[in-house]
Amino acid sequence: MKKDYYWLITTISFIACIFLFTILAHAGGKIYEPQDPKYGTKKPYTLQQKEHRGINDSKKKYTTCRLMKRLKSRVTKRQACIYRGGNKTYTLMYEDTCPAQYKCEYNPWSKEPSIDDIIDSLNSIKKGNK
């Protein structure tokens, strides 16, 4: 009786090992690349393929920045607008009127502009530089 179980367990273990080996051997997938140039060469990726693969980082990413704070200069009547976008993207603009939102360059985890520095720079702007 023990011989039958030993044979059965050995056979099932052997089949399981072969099955797992074939799965692990081909898990990464294969891309055909000929070694000999007479059979063709590998074509370079297109710009869209590079973008999807994360190879092409030269394209800038944008996010929607919404108005967070507005500070107005008493002298020039210009406004300093602080905007906040995705992942704490902060931007600063000096305008006569501040739009409620705009597309800004994505810069995650940037530092929030200091209000004291903004007030000092607004007061230092002369009236002639509108």
N, C-alpha and C. Protein backbone atom coordinates (compact mmCIF):
# COMPACT_ATOMS: atom_id res chain seq x y z
N MET A 1 0.82 -1.19 0.00
CA MET A 1 0.00 0.00 0.00
C MET A 1 0.86 1.26 0.00
N LYS A 2 1.99 1.28 0.74
CA LYS A 2 2.86 2.42 0.80
C LYS A 2 3.52 2.70 -0.55
N LYS A 3 3.83 1.65 -1.31
CA LYS A 3 4.47 1.82 -2.60
C LYS A 3 3.57 2.60 -3.55
N ASP A 4 2.28 2.35 -3.54
CA ASP A 4 1.35 3.02 -4.45
C ASP A 4 1.31 4.52 -4.17
N TYR A 5 1.27 4.91 -2.91
CA TYR A 5 1.24 6.33 -2.56
C TYR A 5 2.55 7.02 -2.90
N TYR A 6 3.66 6.31 -2.65
CA TYR A 6 4.97 6.89 -2.97
C TYR A 6 5.08 7.16 -4.47
N TRP A 7 4.66 6.21 -5.29
CA TRP A 7 4.71 6.37 -6.74
C TRP A 7 3.79 7.51 -7.19
N LEU A 8 2.62 7.61 -6.62
CA LEU A 8 1.66 8.66 -6.98
C LEU A 8 2.18 10.05 -6.59
N ILE A 9 2.71 10.18 -5.40
CA ILE A 9 3.25 11.46 -4.93
C ILE A 9 4.45 11.87 -5.78
N THR A 10 5.33 10.94 -6.12
CA THR A 10 6.50 11.22 -6.95
C THR A 10 6.08 11.69 -8.33
N THR A 11 5.13 11.05 -8.93
CA THR A 11 4.65 11.43 -10.27
C THR A 11 4.01 12.81 -10.27
N ILE A 12 3.16 13.09 -9.30
CA ILE A 12 2.50 14.39 -9.21
C ILE A 12 3.52 15.49 -8.96
N SER A 13 4.51 15.22 -8.12
CA SER A 13 5.55 16.21 -7.84
C SER A 13 6.36 16.50 -9.10
N PHE A 14 6.69 15.46 -9.85
CA PHE A 14 7.46 15.63 -11.09
C PHE A 14 6.69 16.45 -12.12
N ILE A 15 5.42 16.18 -12.29
CA ILE A 15 4.58 16.92 -13.24
C ILE A 15 4.43 18.38 -12.79
N ALA A 16 4.28 18.62 -11.50
CA ALA A 16 4.15 19.99 -10.98
C ALA A 16 5.44 20.78 -11.21
N CYS A 17 6.60 20.12 -11.00
CA CYS A 17 7.89 20.80 -11.23
C CYS A 17 8.06 21.17 -12.70
N ILE A 18 7.72 20.28 -13.59
CA ILE A 18 7.83 20.58 -15.03
C ILE A 18 6.89 21.72 -15.39
N PHE A 19 5.67 21.69 -14.87
CA PHE A 19 4.69 22.74 -15.16
C PHE A 19 5.17 24.10 -14.65
N LEU A 20 5.68 24.16 -13.42
CA LEU A 20 6.17 25.42 -12.85
C LEU A 20 7.40 25.93 -13.60
N PHE A 21 8.29 25.01 -14.00
CA PHE A 21 9.49 25.42 -14.73
C PHE A 21 9.13 26.06 -16.07
N THR A 22 8.18 25.49 -16.79
CA THR A 22 7.81 26.07 -18.09
C THR A 22 7.14 27.42 -17.92
N ILE A 23 6.36 27.60 -16.87
CA ILE A 23 5.73 28.91 -16.62
C ILE A 23 6.79 29.95 -16.29
N LEU A 24 7.72 29.64 -15.42
CA LEU A 24 8.75 30.59 -15.02
C LEU A 24 9.72 30.89 -16.16
N ALA A 25 9.97 29.91 -17.03
CA ALA A 25 10.91 30.11 -18.12
C ALA A 25 10.36 31.09 -19.16
N HIS A 26 9.05 31.12 -19.34
CA HIS A 26 8.45 31.97 -20.37
C HIS A 26 7.63 33.12 -19.79
N ALA A 27 7.80 33.44 -18.53
CA ALA A 27 6.98 34.46 -17.88
C ALA A 27 7.30 35.86 -18.40
N GLY A 28 8.54 36.12 -18.76
CA GLY A 28 8.92 37.46 -19.21
C GLY A 28 8.47 37.78 -20.61
N GLY A 29 8.09 36.78 -21.39
CA GLY A 29 7.72 37.00 -22.77
C GLY A 29 8.96 37.14 -23.63
N LYS A 30 8.79 37.00 -24.92
CA LYS A 30 9.93 37.08 -25.82
C LYS A 30 9.61 38.03 -26.96
N ILE A 31 10.60 38.79 -27.35
CA ILE A 31 10.50 39.67 -28.51
C ILE A 31 11.57 39.21 -29.48
N TYR A 32 11.17 38.98 -30.71
CA TYR A 32 12.10 38.48 -31.70
C TYR A 32 13.06 39.59 -32.11
N GLU A 33 14.34 39.32 -31.98
CA GLU A 33 15.40 40.22 -32.43
C GLU A 33 16.42 39.38 -33.18
N PRO A 34 16.48 39.54 -34.50
CA PRO A 34 17.43 38.73 -35.26
C PRO A 34 18.87 39.12 -34.95
N GLN A 35 19.73 38.10 -34.86
CA GLN A 35 21.14 38.33 -34.56
C GLN A 35 21.90 38.74 -35.82
N ASP A 36 21.52 38.18 -36.94
CA ASP A 36 22.20 38.45 -38.20
C ASP A 36 21.52 39.62 -38.91
N PRO A 37 22.26 40.68 -39.29
CA PRO A 37 21.62 41.85 -39.91
C PRO A 37 20.98 41.57 -41.27
N LYS A 38 21.36 40.46 -41.92
CA LYS A 38 20.75 40.20 -43.23
C LYS A 38 19.27 39.81 -43.10
N TYR A 39 18.84 39.44 -41.89
CA TYR A 39 17.44 39.11 -41.67
C TYR A 39 16.63 40.30 -41.17
N GLY A 40 17.24 41.45 -41.12
CA GLY A 40 16.54 42.65 -40.67
C GLY A 40 17.11 43.16 -39.37
N THR A 41 16.84 44.40 -39.10
CA THR A 41 17.30 45.01 -37.85
C THR A 41 16.08 45.46 -37.05
N LYS A 42 16.32 45.70 -35.78
CA LYS A 42 15.25 46.15 -34.90
C LYS A 42 14.93 47.61 -35.19
N LYS A 43 13.65 47.89 -35.37
CA LYS A 43 13.23 49.26 -35.66
C LYS A 43 13.18 50.07 -34.36
N PRO A 44 13.50 51.35 -34.44
CA PRO A 44 13.40 52.17 -33.22
C PRO A 44 11.92 52.41 -32.87
N TYR A 45 11.68 52.65 -31.60
CA TYR A 45 10.32 52.92 -31.15
C TYR A 45 9.84 54.27 -31.68
N THR A 46 8.53 54.37 -31.91
CA THR A 46 7.96 55.65 -32.30
C THR A 46 7.86 56.54 -31.06
N LEU A 47 7.58 57.83 -31.27
CA LEU A 47 7.47 58.75 -30.14
C LEU A 47 6.36 58.36 -29.19
N GLN A 48 5.24 57.89 -29.75
CA GLN A 48 4.12 57.48 -28.90
C GLN A 48 4.48 56.23 -28.08
N GLN A 49 5.20 55.28 -28.70
CA GLN A 49 5.61 54.09 -27.97
C GLN A 49 6.58 54.45 -26.85
N LYS A 50 7.50 55.39 -27.12
CA LYS A 50 8.43 55.83 -26.08
C LYS A 50 7.69 56.50 -24.94
N GLU A 51 6.67 57.29 -25.28
CA GLU A 51 5.90 57.98 -24.23
C GLU A 51 5.15 56.98 -23.35
N HIS A 52 4.55 55.96 -23.96
CA HIS A 52 3.81 54.96 -23.19
C HIS A 52 4.73 54.09 -22.34
N ARG A 53 5.94 53.84 -22.82
CA ARG A 53 6.89 53.02 -22.08
C ARG A 53 7.62 53.82 -21.01
N GLY A 54 7.53 55.16 -21.06
CA GLY A 54 8.19 56.00 -20.09
C GLY A 54 9.63 56.31 -20.45
N ILE A 55 10.01 56.04 -21.70
CA ILE A 55 11.37 56.31 -22.15
C ILE A 55 11.53 57.79 -22.49
N ASN A 56 10.52 58.38 -23.11
CA ASN A 56 10.59 59.76 -23.59
C ASN A 56 10.03 60.69 -22.52
N ASP A 57 10.91 61.32 -21.76
CA ASP A 57 10.49 62.22 -20.70
C ASP A 57 10.58 63.68 -21.12
N SER A 58 10.91 63.93 -22.39
CA SER A 58 11.10 65.31 -22.83
C SER A 58 9.76 66.06 -22.93
N LYS A 59 8.65 65.33 -23.04
CA LYS A 59 7.35 65.98 -23.13
C LYS A 59 6.93 66.45 -21.74
N LYS A 60 6.58 67.74 -21.63
CA LYS A 60 6.19 68.29 -20.34
C LYS A 60 4.80 67.82 -19.96
N LYS A 61 4.60 67.64 -18.68
CA LYS A 61 3.28 67.25 -18.17
C LYS A 61 2.64 68.48 -17.55
N TYR A 62 1.34 68.58 -17.71
CA TYR A 62 0.59 69.71 -17.19
C TYR A 62 -0.52 69.22 -16.27
N THR A 63 -0.90 70.10 -15.36
CA THR A 63 -2.00 69.82 -14.44
C THR A 63 -2.85 71.08 -14.31
N THR A 64 -4.05 70.93 -13.83
CA THR A 64 -4.93 72.08 -13.62
C THR A 64 -4.62 72.71 -12.28
N CYS A 65 -4.20 73.97 -12.30
CA CYS A 65 -3.91 74.70 -11.08
C CYS A 65 -5.07 75.63 -10.77
N ARG A 66 -5.53 75.59 -9.54
CA ARG A 66 -6.66 76.43 -9.12
C ARG A 66 -6.18 77.50 -8.14
N LEU A 67 -6.83 78.65 -8.19
CA LEU A 67 -6.45 79.79 -7.36
C LEU A 67 -6.59 79.44 -5.89
N MET A 68 -5.51 79.65 -5.14
CA MET A 68 -5.52 79.34 -3.71
C MET A 68 -5.52 80.63 -2.89
N LYS A 69 -4.66 81.61 -3.24
CA LYS A 69 -4.59 82.88 -2.52
C LYS A 69 -4.37 84.00 -3.51
N ARG A 70 -4.83 85.19 -3.12
CA ARG A 70 -4.66 86.38 -3.95
C ARG A 70 -4.22 87.52 -3.04
N LEU A 71 -3.09 88.14 -3.36
CA LEU A 71 -2.58 89.28 -2.61
C LEU A 71 -2.47 90.47 -3.56
N LYS A 72 -2.93 91.64 -3.10
CA LYS A 72 -2.96 92.81 -3.96
C LYS A 72 -1.99 93.87 -3.44
N SER A 73 -1.26 94.48 -4.36
CA SER A 73 -0.32 95.55 -4.02
C SER A 73 -1.10 96.86 -3.87
N ARG A 74 -0.78 97.62 -2.84
CA ARG A 74 -1.45 98.90 -2.62
C ARG A 74 -0.94 99.96 -3.58
N VAL A 75 0.30 99.81 -4.01
CA VAL A 75 0.92 100.84 -4.84
C VAL A 75 0.55 100.66 -6.31
N THR A 76 0.80 99.47 -6.86
CA THR A 76 0.61 99.25 -8.30
C THR A 76 -0.75 98.66 -8.66
N LYS A 77 -1.49 98.19 -7.68
CA LYS A 77 -2.78 97.54 -7.87
C LYS A 77 -2.67 96.22 -8.64
N ARG A 78 -1.46 95.69 -8.77
CA ARG A 78 -1.28 94.37 -9.37
C ARG A 78 -1.48 93.32 -8.30
N GLN A 79 -1.79 92.10 -8.75
CA GLN A 79 -2.08 91.02 -7.81
C GLN A 79 -1.04 89.91 -7.94
N ALA A 80 -0.72 89.33 -6.82
CA ALA A 80 0.09 88.12 -6.80
C ALA A 80 -0.88 86.96 -6.57
N CYS A 81 -0.88 86.03 -7.50
CA CYS A 81 -1.82 84.91 -7.45
C CYS A 81 -1.04 83.63 -7.16
N ILE A 82 -1.43 82.92 -6.12
CA ILE A 82 -0.81 81.64 -5.77
C ILE A 82 -1.79 80.55 -6.19
N TYR A 83 -1.28 79.62 -7.01
CA TYR A 83 -2.10 78.52 -7.51
C TYR A 83 -1.59 77.20 -6.97
N ARG A 84 -2.52 76.25 -6.79
CA ARG A 84 -2.16 74.91 -6.33
C ARG A 84 -2.75 73.89 -7.29
N GLY A 85 -1.90 72.93 -7.69
CA GLY A 85 -2.33 71.87 -8.60
C GLY A 85 -2.17 70.50 -7.96
N GLY A 86 -2.14 69.48 -8.80
CA GLY A 86 -2.02 68.10 -8.33
C GLY A 86 -0.71 67.83 -7.62
N ASN A 87 -0.76 67.03 -6.58
CA ASN A 87 0.41 66.65 -5.77
C ASN A 87 1.19 67.86 -5.29
N LYS A 88 0.48 68.84 -4.79
CA LYS A 88 1.06 70.06 -4.22
C LYS A 88 1.99 70.78 -5.20
N THR A 89 1.50 70.96 -6.42
CA THR A 89 2.22 71.77 -7.40
C THR A 89 1.83 73.22 -7.16
N TYR A 90 2.78 74.06 -6.76
CA TYR A 90 2.50 75.46 -6.49
C TYR A 90 3.13 76.34 -7.56
N THR A 91 2.37 77.35 -8.01
CA THR A 91 2.91 78.33 -8.94
C THR A 91 2.49 79.71 -8.49
N LEU A 92 3.25 80.71 -8.93
CA LEU A 92 3.01 82.09 -8.55
C LEU A 92 2.98 82.93 -9.82
N MET A 93 1.97 83.79 -9.95
CA MET A 93 1.87 84.68 -11.11
C MET A 93 1.56 86.09 -10.62
N TYR A 94 2.11 87.08 -11.33
CA TYR A 94 1.78 88.49 -11.07
C TYR A 94 0.89 88.95 -12.22
N GLU A 95 -0.36 89.29 -11.92
CA GLU A 95 -1.32 89.68 -12.95
C GLU A 95 -2.16 90.86 -12.45
N ASP A 96 -2.85 91.50 -13.40
CA ASP A 96 -3.82 92.51 -13.02
C ASP A 96 -5.10 91.85 -12.52
N THR A 97 -5.49 90.76 -13.17
CA THR A 97 -6.64 89.96 -12.72
C THR A 97 -6.20 88.50 -12.68
N CYS A 98 -6.63 87.78 -11.68
CA CYS A 98 -6.24 86.38 -11.51
C CYS A 98 -7.33 85.46 -12.04
N PRO A 99 -7.03 84.59 -13.01
CA PRO A 99 -8.03 83.61 -13.43
C PRO A 99 -8.26 82.57 -12.33
N ALA A 100 -9.43 81.99 -12.32
CA ALA A 100 -9.77 81.02 -11.27
C ALA A 100 -8.93 79.75 -11.41
N GLN A 101 -8.60 79.35 -12.64
CA GLN A 101 -7.76 78.17 -12.86
C GLN A 101 -7.08 78.27 -14.21
N TYR A 102 -5.98 77.55 -14.35
CA TYR A 102 -5.28 77.47 -15.64
C TYR A 102 -4.41 76.23 -15.65
N LYS A 103 -3.90 75.88 -16.82
CA LYS A 103 -3.02 74.72 -16.95
C LYS A 103 -1.59 75.15 -16.64
N CYS A 104 -1.01 74.53 -15.64
CA CYS A 104 0.37 74.87 -15.27
C CYS A 104 1.24 73.63 -15.41
N GLU A 105 2.54 73.84 -15.44
CA GLU A 105 3.48 72.73 -15.56
C GLU A 105 3.47 71.91 -14.28
N TYR A 106 3.41 70.59 -14.43
CA TYR A 106 3.34 69.66 -13.30
C TYR A 106 4.69 69.59 -12.61
N ASN A 107 4.72 69.99 -11.35
CA ASN A 107 5.93 69.97 -10.54
C ASN A 107 5.56 69.46 -9.15
N PRO A 108 5.51 68.12 -8.96
CA PRO A 108 4.99 67.58 -7.71
C PRO A 108 5.85 67.92 -6.50
N TRP A 109 5.19 68.12 -5.38
CA TRP A 109 5.78 68.35 -4.07
C TRP A 109 6.70 69.58 -4.06
N SER A 110 6.30 70.62 -4.78
CA SER A 110 7.08 71.85 -4.75
C SER A 110 6.76 72.64 -3.49
N LYS A 111 7.59 73.61 -3.19
CA LYS A 111 7.44 74.39 -1.97
C LYS A 111 6.45 75.53 -2.20
N GLU A 112 5.59 75.75 -1.21
CA GLU A 112 4.61 76.84 -1.31
C GLU A 112 5.33 78.18 -1.18
N PRO A 113 5.01 79.16 -2.05
CA PRO A 113 5.66 80.47 -1.96
C PRO A 113 5.36 81.15 -0.63
N SER A 114 6.35 81.86 -0.09
CA SER A 114 6.19 82.56 1.18
C SER A 114 5.41 83.85 0.96
N ILE A 115 4.42 84.12 1.79
CA ILE A 115 3.58 85.31 1.65
C ILE A 115 4.39 86.58 1.93
N ASP A 116 5.32 86.53 2.88
CA ASP A 116 6.14 87.70 3.19
C ASP A 116 7.00 88.11 1.99
N ASP A 117 7.58 87.12 1.30
CA ASP A 117 8.39 87.42 0.12
C ASP A 117 7.53 88.01 -1.00
N ILE A 118 6.31 87.53 -1.12
CA ILE A 118 5.42 88.03 -2.16
C ILE A 118 5.04 89.48 -1.89
N ILE A 119 4.72 89.78 -0.65
CA ILE A 119 4.34 91.16 -0.29
C ILE A 119 5.52 92.10 -0.52
N ASP A 120 6.71 91.68 -0.14
CA ASP A 120 7.90 92.51 -0.36
C ASP A 120 8.15 92.76 -1.84
N SER A 121 7.98 91.72 -2.66
CA SER A 121 8.22 91.91 -4.09
C SER A 121 7.12 92.77 -4.74
N LEU A 122 5.89 92.64 -4.24
CA LEU A 122 4.82 93.49 -4.78
C LEU A 122 5.06 94.96 -4.42
N ASN A 123 5.52 95.21 -3.22
CA ASN A 123 5.78 96.60 -2.80
C ASN A 123 7.01 97.18 -3.50
N SER A 124 7.93 96.35 -3.91
CA SER A 124 9.15 96.84 -4.57
C SER A 124 8.92 97.15 -6.04
N ILE A 125 7.85 96.64 -6.65
CA ILE A 125 7.56 96.92 -8.06
C ILE A 125 7.15 98.39 -8.18
N LYS A 126 7.76 99.08 -9.14
CA LYS A 126 7.44 100.49 -9.33
C LYS A 126 6.19 100.64 -10.18
N LYS A 127 5.57 101.79 -10.12
CA LYS A 127 4.34 102.02 -10.85
C LYS A 127 4.54 101.97 -12.37
N GLY A 128 5.68 102.31 -12.87
CA GLY A 128 5.92 102.35 -14.30
C GLY A 128 6.05 100.98 -14.95
N ASN A 129 6.20 99.91 -14.18
CA ASN A 129 6.40 98.56 -14.72
C ASN A 129 5.11 97.76 -14.74
N LYS A 130 4.06 98.27 -15.29
CA LYS A 130 2.79 97.55 -15.31
C LYS A 130 2.79 96.48 -16.34
